[in-house]
Amino acid sequence: MPASDPPDFEALASALARALALPVTEETLPGVAMNLALAYRLAPAFLDFPLPDTLEPAAIFDPRANPVAAP
């Protein structure tokens, strides 16, 4: 299967911000788009990593559950 062209990350970031009611401004849009592009590039490494079906999800970490006393 041929690889598809990557999406327009600025348009995607803008559409996602509107859909999720996130305060993405014109000044921050390029940075958001850059991070979406990075996630797009890294995602295959995570999706292709083989995991056995016997794995259990990790426990939920809540730092408030066991506060550490300051020395």
N, C-alpha and C. Protein backbone atom coordinates (compact mmCIF):
# COMPACT_ATOMS: atom_id res chain seq x y z
N MET A 1 0.84 -1.17 0.00
CA MET A 1 0.00 0.00 0.00
C MET A 1 0.89 1.24 0.00
N PRO A 2 0.66 2.18 -0.91
CA PRO A 2 1.49 3.38 -0.95
C PRO A 2 1.19 4.27 0.25
N ALA A 3 2.24 4.95 0.72
CA ALA A 3 2.07 5.87 1.84
C ALA A 3 1.29 7.09 1.38
N SER A 4 0.38 7.54 2.21
CA SER A 4 -0.38 8.73 1.86
C SER A 4 0.41 9.97 2.26
N ASP A 5 0.07 11.07 1.63
CA ASP A 5 0.72 12.34 1.97
C ASP A 5 0.30 12.74 3.37
N PRO A 6 1.20 13.36 4.13
CA PRO A 6 0.82 13.81 5.47
C PRO A 6 -0.23 14.92 5.37
N PRO A 7 -1.05 15.04 6.40
CA PRO A 7 -2.08 16.08 6.37
C PRO A 7 -1.47 17.48 6.52
N ASP A 8 -2.28 18.47 6.26
CA ASP A 8 -1.91 19.86 6.52
C ASP A 8 -2.05 20.06 8.02
N PHE A 9 -0.95 20.06 8.73
CA PHE A 9 -1.00 20.07 10.19
C PHE A 9 -1.55 21.37 10.76
N GLU A 10 -1.33 22.49 10.11
CA GLU A 10 -1.91 23.74 10.61
C GLU A 10 -3.42 23.71 10.48
N ALA A 11 -3.93 23.21 9.34
CA ALA A 11 -5.38 23.11 9.17
C ALA A 11 -5.96 22.11 10.16
N LEU A 12 -5.25 20.99 10.39
CA LEU A 12 -5.71 19.99 11.35
C LEU A 12 -5.72 20.56 12.76
N ALA A 13 -4.67 21.27 13.14
CA ALA A 13 -4.60 21.86 14.47
C ALA A 13 -5.72 22.87 14.66
N SER A 14 -5.98 23.66 13.66
CA SER A 14 -7.05 24.66 13.74
C SER A 14 -8.41 23.99 13.87
N ALA A 15 -8.65 22.95 13.09
CA ALA A 15 -9.94 22.24 13.16
C ALA A 15 -10.11 21.54 14.50
N LEU A 16 -9.05 20.92 15.00
CA LEU A 16 -9.14 20.25 16.31
C LEU A 16 -9.37 21.26 17.43
N ALA A 17 -8.71 22.41 17.35
CA ALA A 17 -8.90 23.43 18.37
C ALA A 17 -10.35 23.92 18.39
N ARG A 18 -10.92 24.11 17.22
CA ARG A 18 -12.33 24.53 17.17
C ARG A 18 -13.24 23.44 17.71
N ALA A 19 -13.00 22.19 17.30
CA ALA A 19 -13.86 21.08 17.72
C ALA A 19 -13.79 20.84 19.22
N LEU A 20 -12.60 21.06 19.81
CA LEU A 20 -12.42 20.81 21.24
C LEU A 20 -12.51 22.09 22.08
N ALA A 21 -12.81 23.19 21.45
CA ALA A 21 -12.91 24.50 22.11
C ALA A 21 -11.62 24.82 22.88
N LEU A 22 -10.48 24.61 22.22
CA LEU A 22 -9.19 24.91 22.83
C LEU A 22 -8.74 26.31 22.41
N PRO A 23 -8.11 27.04 23.30
CA PRO A 23 -7.70 28.41 22.97
C PRO A 23 -6.38 28.46 22.19
N VAL A 24 -6.40 28.01 20.96
CA VAL A 24 -5.20 28.05 20.11
C VAL A 24 -5.28 29.35 19.30
N THR A 25 -4.30 30.20 19.51
CA THR A 25 -4.27 31.49 18.82
C THR A 25 -3.41 31.39 17.56
N GLU A 26 -3.43 32.45 16.77
CA GLU A 26 -2.59 32.49 15.57
C GLU A 26 -1.12 32.41 15.92
N GLU A 27 -0.75 32.92 17.09
CA GLU A 27 0.65 32.88 17.52
C GLU A 27 1.07 31.47 17.94
N THR A 28 0.16 30.71 18.53
CA THR A 28 0.51 29.38 19.02
C THR A 28 0.23 28.27 18.01
N LEU A 29 -0.53 28.58 16.96
CA LEU A 29 -0.90 27.57 15.97
C LEU A 29 0.31 26.87 15.34
N PRO A 30 1.37 27.58 14.94
CA PRO A 30 2.51 26.87 14.35
C PRO A 30 3.15 25.85 15.31
N GLY A 31 3.22 26.19 16.59
CA GLY A 31 3.78 25.26 17.57
C GLY A 31 2.91 24.03 17.76
N VAL A 32 1.60 24.24 17.79
CA VAL A 32 0.67 23.11 17.91
C VAL A 32 0.79 22.22 16.68
N ALA A 33 0.87 22.84 15.51
CA ALA A 33 1.01 22.08 14.26
C ALA A 33 2.33 21.30 14.25
N MET A 34 3.39 21.91 14.76
CA MET A 34 4.68 21.22 14.82
C MET A 34 4.60 19.98 15.71
N ASN A 35 3.90 20.10 16.85
CA ASN A 35 3.76 18.95 17.75
C ASN A 35 2.87 17.87 17.15
N LEU A 36 1.85 18.25 16.40
CA LEU A 36 1.03 17.26 15.70
C LEU A 36 1.87 16.52 14.66
N ALA A 37 2.70 17.25 13.94
CA ALA A 37 3.56 16.63 12.93
C ALA A 37 4.54 15.66 13.58
N LEU A 38 5.07 16.02 14.72
CA LEU A 38 5.99 15.14 15.44
C LEU A 38 5.26 13.87 15.89
N ALA A 39 4.06 14.02 16.45
CA ALA A 39 3.29 12.86 16.87
C ALA A 39 2.96 11.97 15.68
N TYR A 40 2.65 12.57 14.54
CA TYR A 40 2.36 11.83 13.32
C TYR A 40 3.57 11.00 12.88
N ARG A 41 4.75 11.60 13.01
CA ARG A 41 5.98 10.91 12.61
C ARG A 41 6.36 9.79 13.58
N LEU A 42 6.08 9.98 14.88
CA LEU A 42 6.46 9.00 15.89
C LEU A 42 5.44 7.88 16.07
N ALA A 43 4.18 8.12 15.73
CA ALA A 43 3.11 7.15 15.98
C ALA A 43 3.39 5.75 15.44
N PRO A 44 3.92 5.59 14.23
CA PRO A 44 4.15 4.23 13.73
C PRO A 44 5.09 3.40 14.61
N ALA A 45 6.06 4.03 15.25
CA ALA A 45 6.98 3.30 16.11
C ALA A 45 6.24 2.69 17.30
N PHE A 46 5.23 3.38 17.81
CA PHE A 46 4.44 2.86 18.93
C PHE A 46 3.42 1.84 18.45
N LEU A 47 2.79 2.10 17.32
CA LEU A 47 1.77 1.20 16.82
C LEU A 47 2.35 -0.13 16.35
N ASP A 48 3.59 -0.12 15.87
CA ASP A 48 4.22 -1.33 15.36
C ASP A 48 4.96 -2.11 16.42
N PHE A 49 5.05 -1.60 17.65
CA PHE A 49 5.78 -2.29 18.71
C PHE A 49 4.95 -3.48 19.19
N PRO A 50 5.51 -4.69 19.10
CA PRO A 50 4.73 -5.87 19.47
C PRO A 50 4.57 -6.00 20.99
N LEU A 51 3.35 -6.23 21.41
CA LEU A 51 3.05 -6.46 22.82
C LEU A 51 2.26 -7.77 22.93
N PRO A 52 2.60 -8.60 23.91
CA PRO A 52 1.84 -9.83 24.07
C PRO A 52 0.43 -9.55 24.60
N ASP A 53 -0.50 -10.42 24.29
CA ASP A 53 -1.88 -10.26 24.74
C ASP A 53 -2.04 -10.47 26.24
N THR A 54 -1.02 -10.98 26.90
CA THR A 54 -1.12 -11.27 28.33
C THR A 54 -0.79 -10.07 29.21
N LEU A 55 -0.37 -8.95 28.64
CA LEU A 55 -0.03 -7.77 29.43
C LEU A 55 -1.27 -7.15 30.05
N GLU A 56 -1.10 -6.63 31.24
CA GLU A 56 -2.16 -5.92 31.95
C GLU A 56 -1.84 -4.43 31.93
N PRO A 57 -2.85 -3.58 31.93
CA PRO A 57 -2.58 -2.14 31.98
C PRO A 57 -1.92 -1.76 33.30
N ALA A 58 -1.14 -0.73 33.26
CA ALA A 58 -0.46 -0.24 34.46
C ALA A 58 -1.48 0.37 35.42
N ALA A 59 -1.13 0.38 36.68
CA ALA A 59 -1.98 1.02 37.67
C ALA A 59 -1.99 2.52 37.42
N ILE A 60 -3.03 3.17 37.84
CA ILE A 60 -3.13 4.61 37.69
C ILE A 60 -2.29 5.27 38.77
N PHE A 61 -1.38 6.12 38.33
CA PHE A 61 -0.51 6.83 39.26
C PHE A 61 -1.20 8.11 39.71
N ASP A 62 -1.34 8.28 40.99
CA ASP A 62 -1.90 9.51 41.55
C ASP A 62 -0.96 10.00 42.63
N PRO A 63 -0.19 11.04 42.35
CA PRO A 63 0.80 11.51 43.34
C PRO A 63 0.16 12.01 44.62
N ARG A 64 -1.13 12.33 44.58
CA ARG A 64 -1.82 12.80 45.79
C ARG A 64 -2.13 11.65 46.73
N ALA A 65 -2.13 10.42 46.23
CA ALA A 65 -2.50 9.27 47.05
C ALA A 65 -1.46 8.98 48.14
N ASN A 66 -0.18 9.16 47.83
CA ASN A 66 0.90 8.87 48.77
C ASN A 66 1.87 10.05 48.80
N PRO A 67 1.46 11.14 49.44
CA PRO A 67 2.36 12.31 49.45
C PRO A 67 3.64 12.00 50.22
N VAL A 68 4.72 12.51 49.70
CA VAL A 68 6.02 12.32 50.32
C VAL A 68 6.30 13.54 51.20
N ALA A 69 6.67 13.25 52.43
CA ALA A 69 6.96 14.35 53.36
C ALA A 69 8.26 15.03 52.96
N ALA A 70 8.27 16.32 53.02
CA ALA A 70 9.49 17.08 52.69
C ALA A 70 10.49 16.90 53.81
N PRO A 71 11.79 16.76 53.46
CA PRO A 71 12.82 16.56 54.49
C PRO A 71 13.01 17.78 55.37
